[in-house]
Amino acid sequence: MCIEFGQTVRYPEGYPDFTSYAYPTVKPVKIEIANPTNRPLDYKNANIKAGLNKDSDPPVASLYEATEGYTWHHHQDGKTMILVD
């Protein structure tokens, strides 16, 4: 378990569990993670798969960014993206 900025994050099997911090109305999505690493492309693919855009709820200013105040977490399975605060 790690406590940072007053938030507790559990690390089962050595990986962070952000379930408690996921955006409540955006389900985790499975995408093809870019290799080599390309986070903007991963964010774009996750936003599209989740149905997020500038007019959605929550909105994204750019497909290459997460919703304001949130970030896309790359899950350890190498396929799943989770929108977390």
C-alpha atoms as a PDB file:
ATOM      1  CA  MET A   1       0.000   0.000   0.000  1.00  0.00           C
ATOM      2  CA  CYS A   2       1.233   3.490  -0.803  1.00  0.00           C
ATOM      3  CA  ILE A   3      -0.124   6.800   0.469  1.00  0.00           C
ATOM      4  CA  GLU A   4       0.586   9.829  -1.716  1.00  0.00           C
ATOM      5  CA  PHE A   5      -1.123  13.203  -1.382  1.00  0.00           C
ATOM      6  CA  GLY A   6      -3.544  11.674   1.145  1.00  0.00           C
ATOM      7  CA  GLN A   7      -4.746   8.951  -1.246  1.00  0.00           C
ATOM      8  CA  THR A   8      -4.222   5.263  -0.483  1.00  0.00           C
ATOM      9  CA  VAL A   9      -3.421   2.976  -3.397  1.00  0.00           C
ATOM     10  CA  ARG A  10      -3.261  -0.789  -2.918  1.00  0.00           C
ATOM     11  CA  TYR A  11      -0.647  -2.795  -4.839  1.00  0.00           C
ATOM     12  CA  PRO A  12      -1.950  -6.363  -5.130  1.00  0.00           C
ATOM     13  CA  GLU A  13       0.675  -8.567  -6.801  1.00  0.00           C
ATOM     14  CA  GLY A  14       2.906  -5.488  -7.162  1.00  0.00           C
ATOM     15  CA  TYR A  15       0.578  -3.478  -9.442  1.00  0.00           C
ATOM     16  CA  PRO A  16      -1.479  -0.410  -8.457  1.00  0.00           C
ATOM     17  CA  ASP A  17      -5.230  -0.909  -8.097  1.00  0.00           C
ATOM     18  CA  PHE A  18      -6.925   2.356  -9.122  1.00  0.00           C
ATOM     19  CA  THR A  19     -10.457   0.925  -9.078  1.00  0.00           C
ATOM     20  CA  SER A  20     -11.536   3.362  -6.353  1.00  0.00           C
ATOM     21  CA  TYR A  21     -10.321   6.308  -8.434  1.00  0.00           C
ATOM     22  CA  ALA A  22     -11.838   5.426 -11.813  1.00  0.00           C
ATOM     23  CA  TYR A  23     -14.144   7.971 -13.460  1.00  0.00           C
ATOM     24  CA  PRO A  24     -17.605   6.758 -12.385  1.00  0.00           C
ATOM     25  CA  THR A  25     -19.314   6.734 -15.799  1.00  0.00           C
ATOM     26  CA  VAL A  26     -16.397   5.702 -18.039  1.00  0.00           C
ATOM     27  CA  LYS A  27     -15.763   1.962 -18.161  1.00  0.00           C
ATOM     28  CA  PRO A  28     -12.223   0.630 -18.696  1.00  0.00           C
ATOM     29  CA  VAL A  29     -11.489   0.048 -22.385  1.00  0.00           C
ATOM     30  CA  LYS A  30      -9.273  -2.411 -24.210  1.00  0.00           C
ATOM     31  CA  ILE A  31      -7.056  -0.992 -26.947  1.00  0.00           C
ATOM     32  CA  GLU A  32      -3.908  -1.970 -28.775  1.00  0.00           C
ATOM     33  CA  ILE A  33      -1.238  -0.208 -26.697  1.00  0.00           C
ATOM     34  CA  ALA A  34       1.306   1.601 -28.900  1.00  0.00           C
ATOM     35  CA  ASN A  35       4.738   0.014 -29.122  1.00  0.00           C
ATOM     36  CA  PRO A  36       7.079   1.819 -28.947  1.00  0.00           C
ATOM     37  CA  THR A  37       5.414   3.930 -26.264  1.00  0.00           C
ATOM     38  CA  ASN A  38       3.175   6.672 -27.658  1.00  0.00           C
ATOM     39  CA  ARG A  39       0.937   7.947 -24.855  1.00  0.00           C
ATOM     40  CA  PRO A  40      -0.911  10.544 -26.971  1.00  0.00           C
ATOM     41  CA  LEU A  41      -1.887   7.792 -29.437  1.00  0.00           C
ATOM     42  CA  ASP A  42      -2.963   5.521 -26.557  1.00  0.00           C
ATOM     43  CA  TYR A  43      -5.070   8.362 -25.117  1.00  0.00           C
ATOM     44  CA  LYS A  44      -6.655   8.986 -28.525  1.00  0.00           C
ATOM     45  CA  ASN A  45      -7.527   5.306 -28.963  1.00  0.00           C
ATOM     46  CA  ALA A  46      -8.877   5.070 -25.397  1.00  0.00           C
ATOM     47  CA  ASN A  47     -10.995   8.222 -25.817  1.00  0.00           C
ATOM     48  CA  ILE A  48     -12.460   6.948 -29.078  1.00  0.00           C
ATOM     49  CA  LYS A  49     -13.162   3.489 -27.635  1.00  0.00           C
ATOM     50  CA  ALA A  50     -14.812   5.089 -24.560  1.00  0.00           C
ATOM     51  CA  GLY A  51     -16.878   7.402 -26.788  1.00  0.00           C
ATOM     52  CA  LEU A  52     -15.284  10.565 -25.410  1.00  0.00           C
ATOM     53  CA  ASN A  53     -14.968  13.798 -27.407  1.00  0.00           C
ATOM     54  CA  LYS A  54     -15.432  17.539 -26.883  1.00  0.00           C
ATOM     55  CA  ASP A  55     -19.226  17.125 -26.705  1.00  0.00           C
ATOM     56  CA  SER A  56     -19.374  14.019 -24.489  1.00  0.00           C
ATOM     57  CA  ASP A  57     -19.889  13.752 -20.728  1.00  0.00           C
ATOM     58  CA  PRO A  58     -17.168  13.922 -19.594  1.00  0.00           C
ATOM     59  CA  PRO A  59     -15.682  16.016 -22.402  1.00  0.00           C
ATOM     60  CA  VAL A  60     -12.109  15.930 -23.676  1.00  0.00           C
ATOM     61  CA  ALA A  61     -10.554  19.077 -25.148  1.00  0.00           C
ATOM     62  CA  SER A  62      -8.457  16.963 -27.512  1.00  0.00           C
ATOM     63  CA  LEU A  63      -8.606  13.261 -28.344  1.00  0.00           C
ATOM     64  CA  TYR A  64      -4.904  13.159 -27.446  1.00  0.00           C
ATOM     65  CA  GLU A  65      -5.619  14.173 -23.818  1.00  0.00           C
ATOM     66  CA  ALA A  66      -7.626  12.779 -20.919  1.00  0.00           C
ATOM     67  CA  THR A  67     -10.619  14.498 -19.349  1.00  0.00           C
ATOM     68  CA  GLU A  68      -9.519  17.490 -17.239  1.00  0.00           C
ATOM     69  CA  GLY A  69      -8.387  16.339 -13.792  1.00  0.00           C
ATOM     70  CA  TYR A  70      -8.016  12.720 -14.907  1.00  0.00           C
ATOM     71  CA  THR A  71      -5.455  10.551 -16.681  1.00  0.00           C
ATOM     72  CA  TRP A  72      -5.603   7.315 -18.616  1.00  0.00           C
ATOM     73  CA  HIS A  73      -3.862   4.557 -16.640  1.00  0.00           C
ATOM     74  CA  HIS A  74      -2.193   1.775 -18.617  1.00  0.00           C
ATOM     75  CA  HIS A  75      -3.250  -1.437 -16.845  1.00  0.00           C
ATOM     76  CA  GLN A  76      -0.607  -4.117 -16.369  1.00  0.00           C
ATOM     77  CA  ASP A  77      -2.385  -6.487 -18.784  1.00  0.00           C
ATOM     78  CA  GLY A  78      -1.004  -4.380 -21.647  1.00  0.00           C
ATOM     79  CA  LYS A  79      -4.462  -3.880 -23.201  1.00  0.00           C
ATOM     80  CA  THR A  80      -6.715  -2.065 -20.746  1.00  0.00           C
ATOM     81  CA  MET A  81      -6.888   1.687 -20.153  1.00  0.00           C
ATOM     82  CA  ILE A  82      -8.677   3.061 -17.072  1.00  0.00           C
ATOM     83  CA  LEU A  83      -9.627   6.741 -16.688  1.00  0.00           C
ATOM     84  CA  VAL A  84      -8.548   7.683 -13.140  1.00  0.00           C
ATOM     85  CA  ASP A  85      -8.200  10.858 -11.086  1.00  0.00           C
END
